[in-house]
Amino acid sequence: MKMIIAAIKPFKLDEVREALTGLGVSGLMVTEIKGFGAQAGHTEIYRGAEYEVTFVPKLKLELVVPADQADQAVSAISGTARTGKLGEGKIGDGKIFVLDVEQAVRVRTGETNLEAL
């Protein structure tokens, strides 16, 4: 099993969820986060005062999939989370990380590993 952690722009959530559901992904956790990277924030003006926004709002997606489905899930996320003209992508579109999962347990039934997904 693989855990996929992705940071994406918030307005891309529905597209990404639909793409993953189309692959048969049955569950997904979403957390509102703030961060910075190459995008490095930006400057805004509020009530006439200029201030710097150093952390940009993002969503963190976490999902666990069978190992043989991980590449498809990563492709689905990266393809649908990408912004810009013709899907070229822009700075701040996000990051995806893939980790090994040793064990999964469904609390309600006690099912383990793939059956727990």
Protein backbone atom coordinates (compact mmCIF):
# COMPACT_ATOMS: atom_id res chain seq x y z
CA MET A 1 0.00 0.00 0.00
CA LYS A 2 1.07 3.58 -0.63
CA MET A 3 0.09 6.80 1.09
CA ILE A 4 -0.16 9.80 -1.19
CA ILE A 5 0.11 13.25 0.34
CA ALA A 6 -0.62 16.16 -1.98
CA ALA A 7 -0.73 19.92 -1.42
CA ILE A 8 -2.97 21.61 -4.00
CA LYS A 9 -4.73 24.91 -4.63
CA PRO A 10 -8.12 24.94 -2.87
CA PHE A 11 -10.22 25.62 -5.97
CA LYS A 12 -8.91 22.41 -7.58
CA LEU A 13 -10.34 20.08 -4.91
CA ASP A 14 -13.53 19.05 -6.72
CA GLU A 15 -11.69 18.24 -9.96
CA VAL A 16 -9.08 16.18 -8.13
CA ARG A 17 -11.71 14.33 -6.07
CA GLU A 18 -13.70 13.47 -9.20
CA ALA A 19 -10.57 12.16 -10.96
CA LEU A 20 -9.66 9.99 -7.97
CA THR A 21 -13.21 8.69 -7.59
CA GLY A 22 -13.09 7.72 -11.27
CA LEU A 23 -10.07 5.52 -10.47
CA GLY A 24 -11.95 3.77 -7.68
CA VAL A 25 -10.36 5.59 -4.75
CA SER A 26 -12.83 5.09 -1.92
CA GLY A 27 -11.57 7.55 0.68
CA LEU A 28 -9.71 10.81 1.04
CA MET A 29 -8.77 13.14 3.90
CA VAL A 30 -8.58 16.89 3.33
CA THR A 31 -6.95 19.46 5.62
CA GLU A 32 -6.71 23.22 5.17
CA ILE A 33 -3.06 24.25 5.39
CA LYS A 34 -0.82 27.26 4.73
CA GLY A 35 2.67 27.11 3.34
CA PHE A 36 5.28 28.60 1.10
CA GLY A 37 7.73 27.37 -1.49
CA ALA A 38 8.81 28.72 -4.84
CA GLN A 39 5.68 30.90 -4.83
CA ALA A 40 7.06 32.65 -1.71
CA GLY A 41 3.87 34.55 -0.91
CA HIS A 42 2.75 37.89 -2.32
CA THR A 43 1.92 41.48 -1.39
CA GLU A 44 -1.67 42.68 -0.86
CA ILE A 45 -3.27 46.01 -0.06
CA TYR A 46 -5.95 46.09 2.65
CA ARG A 47 -7.65 49.38 3.61
CA GLY A 48 -4.85 51.33 2.03
CA ALA A 49 -2.07 49.53 3.87
CA GLU A 50 0.29 47.21 2.02
CA TYR A 51 1.26 43.96 3.71
CA GLU A 52 3.07 40.81 2.74
CA VAL A 53 1.33 37.43 2.76
CA THR A 54 4.13 34.94 3.39
CA PHE A 55 2.01 31.79 3.74
CA VAL A 56 -0.30 30.79 0.92
CA PRO A 57 -3.51 28.81 1.61
CA LYS A 58 -3.51 25.24 0.25
CA LEU A 59 -5.31 21.97 0.85
CA LYS A 60 -3.52 18.82 1.95
CA LEU A 61 -4.95 15.59 0.57
CA GLU A 62 -4.08 12.25 2.15
CA LEU A 63 -5.11 8.92 0.69
CA VAL A 64 -3.95 5.32 0.86
CA VAL A 65 -4.18 3.14 -2.24
CA PRO A 66 -2.96 -0.31 -3.29
CA ALA A 67 0.66 -0.06 -4.48
CA ASP A 68 -0.29 -0.93 -8.07
CA GLN A 69 -2.72 2.01 -8.18
CA ALA A 70 -0.32 4.67 -6.83
CA ASP A 71 1.07 5.82 -10.19
CA GLN A 72 -2.44 6.27 -11.61
CA ALA A 73 -3.52 8.26 -8.55
CA VAL A 74 -0.44 10.50 -8.74
CA SER A 75 -1.09 11.12 -12.45
CA ALA A 76 -4.74 11.93 -11.76
CA ILE A 77 -3.82 14.42 -9.03
CA SER A 78 -1.04 16.11 -10.96
CA GLY A 79 -3.09 16.30 -14.15
CA THR A 80 -6.16 17.83 -12.55
CA ALA A 81 -4.41 20.06 -9.98
CA ARG A 82 -2.26 21.75 -12.65
CA THR A 83 -3.33 25.29 -13.59
CA GLY A 84 -2.47 27.61 -16.44
CA LYS A 85 -3.24 27.68 -20.13
CA LEU A 86 -3.55 24.24 -21.69
CA GLY A 87 -2.51 22.60 -18.42
CA GLU A 88 1.06 23.96 -18.58
CA GLY A 89 1.19 24.53 -14.84
CA LYS A 90 2.15 27.52 -12.72
CA ILE A 91 4.26 28.11 -9.64
CA GLY A 92 2.23 27.18 -6.57
CA ASP A 93 0.26 24.32 -8.16
CA GLY A 94 1.46 22.04 -5.37
CA LYS A 95 3.51 18.99 -4.49
CA ILE A 96 2.84 15.24 -4.25
CA PHE A 97 4.65 12.78 -1.98
CA VAL A 98 4.31 8.98 -1.99
CA LEU A 99 5.16 6.90 1.09
CA ASP A 100 5.04 3.20 1.93
CA VAL A 101 2.30 2.07 4.33
CA GLU A 102 3.04 -0.96 6.49
CA GLN A 103 -0.42 -1.55 7.91
CA ALA A 104 -3.99 -0.27 7.77
CA VAL A 105 -6.84 -1.18 10.14
CA ARG A 106 -10.53 -0.34 9.86
CA VAL A 107 -11.51 0.46 13.45
CA ARG A 108 -15.18 -0.53 13.09
CA THR A 109 -14.61 -4.06 11.74
CA GLY A 110 -10.99 -4.87 12.48
CA GLU A 111 -10.30 -5.47 8.78
CA THR A 112 -6.66 -4.98 7.90
CA ASN A 113 -4.54 -3.75 5.00
CA LEU A 114 -6.25 -3.76 1.57
CA GLU A 115 -9.58 -4.87 3.06
CA ALA A 116 -9.43 -1.85 5.39
CA LEU A 117 -9.21 0.60 2.48
